Amino acid sequence: MRHVYVRGILALIWLVAAIVSGVSGNMEMATLYVLMGGAFGYSAYASWKKANNGKKGS
């Protein structure tokens, strides 16, 4: 389950980097960071769903 937390934290870091890049005006890098954040977020969500498959209440 620890890998899910690590991927989730990395997704948040990428999304914060996207916000910072967007505010500073570097939209190309902001787009890349949003894509990377989305990829890590999706990976974390898919792993979490796979780990909790068949468990109720989680």
N, C-alpha and C. Protein backbone atom coordinates (compact mmCIF):
# COMPACT_ATOMS: atom_id res chain seq x y z
N MET A 1 0.82 -1.19 0.00
CA MET A 1 0.00 0.00 0.00
C MET A 1 0.87 1.26 0.00
N ARG A 2 2.10 1.11 0.42
CA ARG A 2 2.99 2.27 0.49
C ARG A 2 3.24 2.86 -0.90
N HIS A 3 3.32 2.01 -1.94
CA HIS A 3 3.57 2.51 -3.28
C HIS A 3 2.43 3.40 -3.77
N VAL A 4 1.23 3.14 -3.29
CA VAL A 4 0.08 3.98 -3.66
C VAL A 4 0.26 5.38 -3.06
N TYR A 5 0.71 5.44 -1.83
CA TYR A 5 0.93 6.74 -1.19
C TYR A 5 2.05 7.51 -1.88
N VAL A 6 3.12 6.81 -2.24
CA VAL A 6 4.23 7.47 -2.91
C VAL A 6 3.79 8.03 -4.26
N ARG A 7 3.04 7.24 -5.02
CA ARG A 7 2.55 7.72 -6.32
C ARG A 7 1.59 8.89 -6.15
N GLY A 8 0.76 8.85 -5.13
CA GLY A 8 -0.16 9.95 -4.87
C GLY A 8 0.58 11.23 -4.51
N ILE A 9 1.61 11.10 -3.69
CA ILE A 9 2.41 12.27 -3.31
C ILE A 9 3.14 12.83 -4.52
N LEU A 10 3.68 11.95 -5.36
CA LEU A 10 4.35 12.42 -6.58
C LEU A 10 3.37 13.12 -7.51
N ALA A 11 2.15 12.62 -7.60
CA ALA A 11 1.14 13.28 -8.42
C ALA A 11 0.86 14.69 -7.89
N LEU A 12 0.77 14.84 -6.59
CA LEU A 12 0.54 16.16 -6.01
C LEU A 12 1.71 17.10 -6.27
N ILE A 13 2.93 16.58 -6.19
CA ILE A 13 4.11 17.40 -6.47
C ILE A 13 4.10 17.87 -7.91
N TRP A 14 3.79 16.98 -8.86
CA TRP A 14 3.73 17.38 -10.27
C TRP A 14 2.64 18.43 -10.49
N LEU A 15 1.50 18.28 -9.83
CA LEU A 15 0.43 19.25 -10.02
C LEU A 15 0.77 20.60 -9.41
N VAL A 16 1.48 20.62 -8.29
CA VAL A 16 1.95 21.89 -7.71
C VAL A 16 2.95 22.55 -8.66
N ALA A 17 3.83 21.75 -9.25
CA ALA A 17 4.78 22.29 -10.22
C ALA A 17 4.05 22.87 -11.42
N ALA A 18 2.95 22.25 -11.83
CA ALA A 18 2.16 22.78 -12.94
C ALA A 18 1.55 24.13 -12.58
N ILE A 19 1.07 24.26 -11.36
CA ILE A 19 0.48 25.53 -10.92
C ILE A 19 1.55 26.62 -10.90
N VAL A 20 2.71 26.29 -10.35
CA VAL A 20 3.80 27.27 -10.28
C VAL A 20 4.24 27.68 -11.68
N SER A 21 4.35 26.72 -12.58
CA SER A 21 4.75 27.04 -13.95
C SER A 21 3.68 27.86 -14.67
N GLY A 22 2.43 27.54 -14.42
CA GLY A 22 1.35 28.30 -15.03
C GLY A 22 1.31 29.73 -14.54
N VAL A 23 1.54 29.93 -13.26
CA VAL A 23 1.55 31.28 -12.69
C VAL A 23 2.73 32.08 -13.24
N SER A 24 3.87 31.43 -13.43
CA SER A 24 5.04 32.13 -13.93
C SER A 24 4.99 32.35 -15.44
N GLY A 25 4.01 31.76 -16.11
CA GLY A 25 3.81 32.01 -17.54
C GLY A 25 4.40 30.97 -18.46
N ASN A 26 4.97 29.92 -17.94
CA ASN A 26 5.57 28.88 -18.77
C ASN A 26 4.52 27.79 -19.03
N MET A 27 3.66 28.04 -20.00
CA MET A 27 2.51 27.16 -20.22
C MET A 27 2.91 25.80 -20.82
N GLU A 28 4.01 25.75 -21.57
CA GLU A 28 4.43 24.47 -22.14
C GLU A 28 4.82 23.50 -21.03
N MET A 29 5.59 23.98 -20.08
CA MET A 29 5.99 23.11 -18.97
C MET A 29 4.81 22.81 -18.06
N ALA A 30 3.91 23.76 -17.90
CA ALA A 30 2.73 23.52 -17.07
C ALA A 30 1.90 22.39 -17.67
N THR A 31 1.78 22.36 -18.99
CA THR A 31 1.05 21.28 -19.65
C THR A 31 1.73 19.94 -19.41
N LEU A 32 3.04 19.91 -19.54
CA LEU A 32 3.78 18.68 -19.29
C LEU A 32 3.59 18.21 -17.85
N TYR A 33 3.65 19.14 -16.91
CA TYR A 33 3.51 18.78 -15.50
C TYR A 33 2.10 18.29 -15.19
N VAL A 34 1.09 18.86 -15.83
CA VAL A 34 -0.28 18.37 -15.63
C VAL A 34 -0.40 16.94 -16.15
N LEU A 35 0.19 16.67 -17.31
CA LEU A 35 0.15 15.31 -17.85
C LEU A 35 0.87 14.33 -16.93
N MET A 36 2.02 14.73 -16.40
CA MET A 36 2.76 13.85 -15.50
C MET A 36 1.98 13.63 -14.20
N GLY A 37 1.39 14.69 -13.66
CA GLY A 37 0.57 14.56 -12.46
C GLY A 37 -0.62 13.65 -12.69
N GLY A 38 -1.24 13.78 -13.85
CA GLY A 38 -2.36 12.91 -14.19
C GLY A 38 -1.95 11.46 -14.32
N ALA A 39 -0.79 11.23 -14.92
CA ALA A 39 -0.30 9.86 -15.08
C ALA A 39 -0.01 9.22 -13.72
N PHE A 40 0.65 9.96 -12.84
CA PHE A 40 0.95 9.42 -11.52
C PHE A 40 -0.35 9.25 -10.71
N GLY A 41 -1.26 10.20 -10.84
CA GLY A 41 -2.54 10.10 -10.13
C GLY A 41 -3.35 8.91 -10.58
N TYR A 42 -3.40 8.69 -11.89
CA TYR A 42 -4.13 7.54 -12.42
C TYR A 42 -3.49 6.24 -11.97
N SER A 43 -2.16 6.20 -11.98
CA SER A 43 -1.45 5.00 -11.55
C SER A 43 -1.73 4.70 -10.07
N ALA A 44 -1.73 5.73 -9.25
CA ALA A 44 -2.03 5.54 -7.83
C ALA A 44 -3.46 5.07 -7.63
N TYR A 45 -4.40 5.66 -8.37
CA TYR A 45 -5.80 5.28 -8.24
C TYR A 45 -6.02 3.83 -8.70
N ALA A 46 -5.40 3.46 -9.82
CA ALA A 46 -5.56 2.10 -10.32
C ALA A 46 -4.97 1.08 -9.35
N SER A 47 -3.82 1.39 -8.77
CA SER A 47 -3.21 0.48 -7.79
C SER A 47 -4.05 0.39 -6.53
N TRP A 48 -4.62 1.51 -6.11
CA TRP A 48 -5.47 1.52 -4.92
C TRP A 48 -6.72 0.67 -5.15
N LYS A 49 -7.33 0.83 -6.35
CA LYS A 49 -8.53 0.04 -6.65
C LYS A 49 -8.19 -1.45 -6.72
N LYS A 50 -7.04 -1.79 -7.27
CA LYS A 50 -6.64 -3.18 -7.37
C LYS A 50 -6.37 -3.78 -5.99
N ALA A 51 -5.76 -2.99 -5.11
CA ALA A 51 -5.46 -3.47 -3.76
C ALA A 51 -6.72 -3.64 -2.94
N ASN A 52 -7.73 -2.81 -3.18
CA ASN A 52 -8.97 -2.86 -2.41
C ASN A 52 -10.07 -3.64 -3.12
N ASN A 53 -9.75 -4.39 -4.13
CA ASN A 53 -10.74 -5.17 -4.86
C ASN A 53 -11.36 -6.22 -3.95
N GLY A 54 -12.66 -6.13 -3.81
CA GLY A 54 -13.36 -7.09 -2.99
C GLY A 54 -13.50 -6.72 -1.54
N LYS A 55 -12.92 -5.62 -1.12
CA LYS A 55 -13.04 -5.16 0.26
C LYS A 55 -14.12 -4.08 0.35
N LYS A 56 -15.01 -4.26 1.29
CA LYS A 56 -16.07 -3.25 1.48
C LYS A 56 -15.63 -2.25 2.54
N GLY A 57 -16.04 -0.99 2.35
CA GLY A 57 -15.76 0.02 3.34
C GLY A 57 -14.43 0.72 3.19
N SER A 58 -13.68 0.39 2.15
CA SER A 58 -12.37 1.04 1.96
C SER A 58 -12.40 1.93 0.75
